[in-house]
Amino acid sequence: MSAAARSHGRRPRPGAARRATLRAVTFAILTVAAAGCSRFVILNDPLTAAEHNDLGVAYEAGGKLDLAKREYRAALKLDPRLVRARVNLGNVEAAAGRWQPAEDCYRRALHVAPDDADALNNLAVALMHQGRSLAEAESLATRAVASGGGRDSVYRATLAEVRAARR
């Protein structure tokens, strides 16, 4: 405990050092950018896998899919078992119409978490868009609906689309 914290009888807040490091890194990046330097290298990544994933979500929401993809990959480099980042990476691939890479992402997510409703649903969509394995797509969509996940209406809509495609 620091002398300042001891003298006031309170403990430093958890994560305060980490937030200070992130502020310092952000300041350094902005300083380099303001100086006109177009390239810089971060030697020690202060972000966790989950934080890279969250940053990717923010980029994706802003329509910056290349940056989102980079952040999802950074998250997966730190934690290859982070299912949410794997599904999000698949979503970016799907948004670009790259259905085979999207399928690969969803299958890898299901390898780690076989009952992840979003991965099940999105893999069904990827298969349907490729026009193949519609029986597997229906099975996946049925499992997503049965999971009772938070997006039940989306899973049901996917199941209905797959069934219509099978006819």
C-alpha atoms as a PDB file:
ATOM      1  CA  MET A   1       0.000   0.000   0.000  1.00  0.00           C
ATOM      2  CA  SER A   2       1.332   3.437  -0.841  1.00  0.00           C
ATOM      3  CA  ALA A   3       2.194   5.982   1.810  1.00  0.00           C
ATOM      4  CA  ALA A   4      -0.618   8.231   0.593  1.00  0.00           C
ATOM      5  CA  ALA A   5      -3.171   5.440   0.884  1.00  0.00           C
ATOM      6  CA  ARG A   6      -1.853   4.477   4.329  1.00  0.00           C
ATOM      7  CA  SER A   7      -1.920   8.010   5.632  1.00  0.00           C
ATOM      8  CA  HIS A   8      -5.572   8.443   4.736  1.00  0.00           C
ATOM      9  CA  GLY A   9      -6.556   5.034   6.067  1.00  0.00           C
ATOM     10  CA  ARG A  10      -8.004   3.755   2.793  1.00  0.00           C
ATOM     11  CA  ARG A  11      -6.890   1.125   0.344  1.00  0.00           C
ATOM     12  CA  PRO A  12      -6.223   1.814  -3.316  1.00  0.00           C
ATOM     13  CA  ARG A  13      -9.076   0.763  -5.584  1.00  0.00           C
ATOM     14  CA  PRO A  14      -8.594  -2.535  -7.423  1.00  0.00           C
ATOM     15  CA  GLY A  15      -7.558  -1.980 -11.001  1.00  0.00           C
ATOM     16  CA  ALA A  16      -6.449   1.607 -10.419  1.00  0.00           C
ATOM     17  CA  ALA A  17      -2.946   0.850 -11.689  1.00  0.00           C
ATOM     18  CA  ARG A  18      -4.375  -0.821 -14.791  1.00  0.00           C
ATOM     19  CA  ARG A  19      -6.603   2.172 -15.542  1.00  0.00           C
ATOM     20  CA  ALA A  20      -3.640   4.500 -15.069  1.00  0.00           C
ATOM     21  CA  THR A  21      -1.611   2.395 -17.515  1.00  0.00           C
ATOM     22  CA  LEU A  22      -4.422   2.499 -20.080  1.00  0.00           C
ATOM     23  CA  ARG A  23      -4.679   6.281 -19.686  1.00  0.00           C
ATOM     24  CA  ALA A  24      -0.919   6.606 -20.175  1.00  0.00           C
ATOM     25  CA  VAL A  25      -0.982   4.409 -23.283  1.00  0.00           C
ATOM     26  CA  THR A  26      -3.913   6.368 -24.705  1.00  0.00           C
ATOM     27  CA  PHE A  27      -2.111   9.652 -24.031  1.00  0.00           C
ATOM     28  CA  ALA A  28       1.045   8.344 -25.705  1.00  0.00           C
ATOM     29  CA  ILE A  29      -0.877   7.232 -28.784  1.00  0.00           C
ATOM     30  CA  LEU A  30      -2.654  10.569 -29.080  1.00  0.00           C
ATOM     31  CA  THR A  31       0.633  12.437 -28.623  1.00  0.00           C
ATOM     32  CA  VAL A  32       2.304  10.404 -31.367  1.00  0.00           C
ATOM     33  CA  ALA A  33      -0.683  10.914 -33.668  1.00  0.00           C
ATOM     34  CA  ALA A  34      -0.734  14.679 -32.990  1.00  0.00           C
ATOM     35  CA  ALA A  35       2.985  14.882 -33.798  1.00  0.00           C
ATOM     36  CA  GLY A  36       2.217  13.572 -37.279  1.00  0.00           C
ATOM     37  CA  CYS A  37       3.692  10.123 -36.855  1.00  0.00           C
ATOM     38  CA  SER A  38       1.659   7.678 -38.863  1.00  0.00           C
ATOM     39  CA  ARG A  39       3.148   4.525 -37.380  1.00  0.00           C
ATOM     40  CA  PHE A  40       3.816   3.393 -33.880  1.00  0.00           C
ATOM     41  CA  VAL A  41       4.391   0.053 -32.249  1.00  0.00           C
ATOM     42  CA  ILE A  42       2.932  -1.153 -28.978  1.00  0.00           C
ATOM     43  CA  LEU A  43       5.419  -3.479 -27.375  1.00  0.00           C
ATOM     44  CA  ASN A  44       3.253  -4.530 -24.456  1.00  0.00           C
ATOM     45  CA  ASP A  45      -0.476  -4.831 -25.103  1.00  0.00           C
ATOM     46  CA  PRO A  46      -2.274  -3.578 -21.992  1.00  0.00           C
ATOM     47  CA  LEU A  47      -5.682  -4.904 -23.093  1.00  0.00           C
ATOM     48  CA  THR A  48      -7.150  -8.259 -22.146  1.00  0.00           C
ATOM     49  CA  ALA A  49      -8.813 -10.551 -24.658  1.00  0.00           C
ATOM     50  CA  ALA A  50     -12.246  -9.439 -23.446  1.00  0.00           C
ATOM     51  CA  GLU A  51     -11.275  -5.776 -23.825  1.00  0.00           C
ATOM     52  CA  HIS A  52     -10.080  -6.379 -27.404  1.00  0.00           C
ATOM     53  CA  ASN A  53     -13.409  -8.087 -28.083  1.00  0.00           C
ATOM     54  CA  ASP A  54     -15.315  -5.109 -26.648  1.00  0.00           C
ATOM     55  CA  LEU A  55     -13.257  -2.721 -28.763  1.00  0.00           C
ATOM     56  CA  GLY A  56     -14.078  -4.857 -31.801  1.00  0.00           C
ATOM     57  CA  VAL A  57     -17.781  -4.604 -30.970  1.00  0.00           C
ATOM     58  CA  ALA A  58     -17.458  -0.807 -30.827  1.00  0.00           C
ATOM     59  CA  TYR A  59     -15.675  -0.713 -34.189  1.00  0.00           C
ATOM     60  CA  GLU A  60     -18.267  -3.042 -35.691  1.00  0.00           C
ATOM     61  CA  ALA A  61     -21.107  -0.846 -34.415  1.00  0.00           C
ATOM     62  CA  GLY A  62     -19.397   2.103 -36.101  1.00  0.00           C
ATOM     63  CA  GLY A  63     -19.164   0.243 -39.406  1.00  0.00           C
ATOM     64  CA  LYS A  64     -15.372  -0.152 -39.214  1.00  0.00           C
ATOM     65  CA  LEU A  65     -15.327  -3.858 -40.000  1.00  0.00           C
ATOM     66  CA  ASP A  66     -11.611  -4.099 -40.785  1.00  0.00           C
ATOM     67  CA  LEU A  67     -10.742  -2.628 -37.395  1.00  0.00           C
ATOM     68  CA  ALA A  68     -13.314  -4.860 -35.692  1.00  0.00           C
ATOM     69  CA  LYS A  69     -11.806  -7.906 -37.365  1.00  0.00           C
ATOM     70  CA  ARG A  70      -8.329  -6.873 -36.208  1.00  0.00           C
ATOM     71  CA  GLU A  71      -9.533  -6.542 -32.609  1.00  0.00           C
ATOM     72  CA  TYR A  72     -11.347  -9.885 -32.638  1.00  0.00           C
ATOM     73  CA  ARG A  73      -8.188 -11.535 -33.929  1.00  0.00           C
ATOM     74  CA  ALA A  74      -6.145  -9.812 -31.208  1.00  0.00           C
ATOM     75  CA  ALA A  75      -8.609 -11.138 -28.625  1.00  0.00           C
ATOM     76  CA  LEU A  76      -8.300 -14.655 -30.022  1.00  0.00           C
ATOM     77  CA  LYS A  77      -4.527 -14.431 -30.057  1.00  0.00           C
ATOM     78  CA  LEU A  78      -4.643 -13.736 -26.318  1.00  0.00           C
ATOM     79  CA  ASP A  79      -7.399 -16.291 -25.629  1.00  0.00           C
ATOM     80  CA  PRO A  80      -8.201 -18.760 -28.428  1.00  0.00           C
ATOM     81  CA  ARG A  81     -11.089 -20.126 -26.362  1.00  0.00           C
ATOM     82  CA  LEU A  82     -12.970 -16.799 -26.182  1.00  0.00           C
ATOM     83  CA  VAL A  83     -16.167 -17.930 -27.881  1.00  0.00           C
ATOM     84  CA  ARG A  84     -17.716 -14.457 -28.092  1.00  0.00           C
ATOM     85  CA  ALA A  85     -14.736 -13.115 -30.094  1.00  0.00           C
ATOM     86  CA  ARG A  86     -14.857 -16.155 -32.400  1.00  0.00           C
ATOM     87  CA  VAL A  87     -18.586 -15.644 -33.069  1.00  0.00           C
ATOM     88  CA  ASN A  88     -18.046 -11.910 -33.575  1.00  0.00           C
ATOM     89  CA  LEU A  89     -15.255 -12.590 -36.068  1.00  0.00           C
ATOM     90  CA  GLY A  90     -17.623 -14.930 -37.911  1.00  0.00           C
ATOM     91  CA  ASN A  91     -20.244 -12.186 -37.952  1.00  0.00           C
ATOM     92  CA  VAL A  92     -17.796  -9.765 -39.604  1.00  0.00           C
ATOM     93  CA  GLU A  93     -16.976 -12.384 -42.229  1.00  0.00           C
ATOM     94  CA  ALA A  94     -20.688 -13.008 -42.807  1.00  0.00           C
ATOM     95  CA  ALA A  95     -21.393  -9.277 -43.122  1.00  0.00           C
ATOM     96  CA  ALA A  96     -18.830  -9.187 -45.928  1.00  0.00           C
ATOM     97  CA  GLY A  97     -20.484 -12.173 -47.628  1.00  0.00           C
ATOM     98  CA  ARG A  98     -17.554 -14.475 -46.882  1.00  0.00           C
ATOM     99  CA  TRP A  99     -19.678 -17.407 -45.777  1.00  0.00           C
ATOM    100  CA  GLN A 100     -17.009 -20.115 -45.712  1.00  0.00           C
ATOM    101  CA  PRO A 101     -14.702 -18.202 -43.316  1.00  0.00           C
ATOM    102  CA  ALA A 102     -17.785 -17.329 -41.250  1.00  0.00           C
ATOM    103  CA  GLU A 103     -18.725 -21.011 -41.134  1.00  0.00           C
ATOM    104  CA  ASP A 104     -15.195 -21.878 -39.998  1.00  0.00           C
ATOM    105  CA  CYS A 105     -15.406 -19.331 -37.169  1.00  0.00           C
ATOM    106  CA  TYR A 106     -18.760 -20.623 -35.954  1.00  0.00           C
ATOM    107  CA  ARG A 107     -17.595 -24.245 -36.076  1.00  0.00           C
ATOM    108  CA  ARG A 108     -14.496 -23.372 -34.047  1.00  0.00           C
ATOM    109  CA  ALA A 109     -16.677 -21.548 -31.519  1.00  0.00           C
ATOM    110  CA  LEU A 110     -18.885 -24.635 -31.217  1.00  0.00           C
ATOM    111  CA  HIS A 111     -15.812 -26.785 -30.699  1.00  0.00           C
ATOM    112  CA  VAL A 112     -15.160 -24.801 -27.509  1.00  0.00           C
ATOM    113  CA  ALA A 113     -18.800 -24.257 -26.483  1.00  0.00           C
ATOM    114  CA  PRO A 114     -21.067 -26.817 -28.194  1.00  0.00           C
ATOM    115  CA  ASP A 115     -24.261 -25.260 -26.850  1.00  0.00           C
ATOM    116  CA  ASP A 116     -23.595 -21.595 -27.638  1.00  0.00           C
ATOM    117  CA  ALA A 117     -26.917 -20.485 -29.115  1.00  0.00           C
ATOM    118  CA  ASP A 118     -25.490 -17.639 -31.204  1.00  0.00           C
ATOM    119  CA  ALA A 119     -22.846 -19.901 -32.761  1.00  0.00           C
ATOM    120  CA  LEU A 120     -25.486 -22.564 -33.486  1.00  0.00           C
ATOM    121  CA  ASN A 121     -27.836 -20.035 -35.057  1.00  0.00           C
ATOM    122  CA  ASN A 122     -25.183 -18.240 -37.068  1.00  0.00           C
ATOM    123  CA  LEU A 123     -23.689 -21.472 -38.374  1.00  0.00           C
ATOM    124  CA  ALA A 124     -27.173 -22.447 -39.568  1.00  0.00           C
ATOM    125  CA  VAL A 125     -27.414 -19.101 -41.389  1.00  0.00           C
ATOM    126  CA  ALA A 126     -23.968 -19.566 -42.965  1.00  0.00           C
ATOM    127  CA  LEU A 127     -24.866 -23.036 -44.208  1.00  0.00           C
ATOM    128  CA  MET A 128     -28.160 -21.789 -45.582  1.00  0.00           C
ATOM    129  CA  HIS A 129     -26.472 -18.938 -47.473  1.00  0.00           C
ATOM    130  CA  GLN A 130     -24.073 -21.416 -49.016  1.00  0.00           C
ATOM    131  CA  GLY A 131     -27.036 -23.547 -50.085  1.00  0.00           C
ATOM    132  CA  ARG A 132     -25.645 -26.712 -48.604  1.00  0.00           C
ATOM    133  CA  SER A 133     -26.103 -28.938 -45.579  1.00  0.00           C
ATOM    134  CA  LEU A 134     -29.629 -27.681 -45.026  1.00  0.00           C
ATOM    135  CA  ALA A 135     -30.451 -30.701 -42.854  1.00  0.00           C
ATOM    136  CA  GLU A 136     -27.519 -29.797 -40.605  1.00  0.00           C
ATOM    137  CA  ALA A 137     -28.621 -26.141 -40.663  1.00  0.00           C
ATOM    138  CA  GLU A 138     -32.107 -27.165 -39.505  1.00  0.00           C
ATOM    139  CA  SER A 139     -30.644 -29.272 -36.713  1.00  0.00           C
ATOM    140  CA  LEU A 140     -28.429 -26.384 -35.580  1.00  0.00           C
ATOM    141  CA  ALA A 141     -31.288 -23.881 -35.676  1.00  0.00           C
ATOM    142  CA  THR A 142     -33.499 -26.294 -33.723  1.00  0.00           C
ATOM    143  CA  ARG A 143     -30.797 -26.604 -31.051  1.00  0.00           C
ATOM    144  CA  ALA A 144     -30.483 -22.796 -30.889  1.00  0.00           C
ATOM    145  CA  VAL A 145     -34.245 -22.456 -30.328  1.00  0.00           C
ATOM    146  CA  ALA A 146     -34.193 -25.213 -27.706  1.00  0.00           C
ATOM    147  CA  SER A 147     -31.371 -23.457 -25.823  1.00  0.00           C
ATOM    148  CA  GLY A 148     -33.750 -20.750 -24.704  1.00  0.00           C
ATOM    149  CA  GLY A 149     -31.078 -18.120 -25.366  1.00  0.00           C
ATOM    150  CA  GLY A 150     -31.633 -14.407 -25.174  1.00  0.00           C
ATOM    151  CA  ARG A 151     -32.493 -14.015 -28.844  1.00  0.00           C
ATOM    152  CA  ASP A 152     -35.248 -16.590 -29.121  1.00  0.00           C
ATOM    153  CA  SER A 153     -37.138 -14.675 -31.827  1.00  0.00           C
ATOM    154  CA  VAL A 154     -33.993 -14.501 -33.984  1.00  0.00           C
ATOM    155  CA  TYR A 155     -33.371 -18.229 -33.553  1.00  0.00           C
ATOM    156  CA  ARG A 156     -36.988 -19.023 -34.455  1.00  0.00           C
ATOM    157  CA  ALA A 157     -36.778 -16.826 -37.556  1.00  0.00           C
ATOM    158  CA  THR A 158     -33.616 -18.642 -38.654  1.00  0.00           C
ATOM    159  CA  LEU A 159     -35.309 -22.002 -38.135  1.00  0.00           C
ATOM    160  CA  ALA A 160     -38.274 -20.875 -40.249  1.00  0.00           C
ATOM    161  CA  GLU A 161     -35.932 -19.644 -43.030  1.00  0.00           C
ATOM    162  CA  VAL A 162     -33.979 -22.886 -43.069  1.00  0.00           C
ATOM    163  CA  ARG A 163     -37.170 -24.954 -43.203  1.00  0.00           C
ATOM    164  CA  ALA A 164     -38.446 -22.815 -46.079  1.00  0.00           C
ATOM    165  CA  ALA A 165     -35.146 -23.294 -47.920  1.00  0.00           C
ATOM    166  CA  ARG A 166     -35.392 -27.058 -47.509  1.00  0.00           C
ATOM    167  CA  ARG A 167     -38.733 -27.173 -49.342  1.00  0.00           C
END
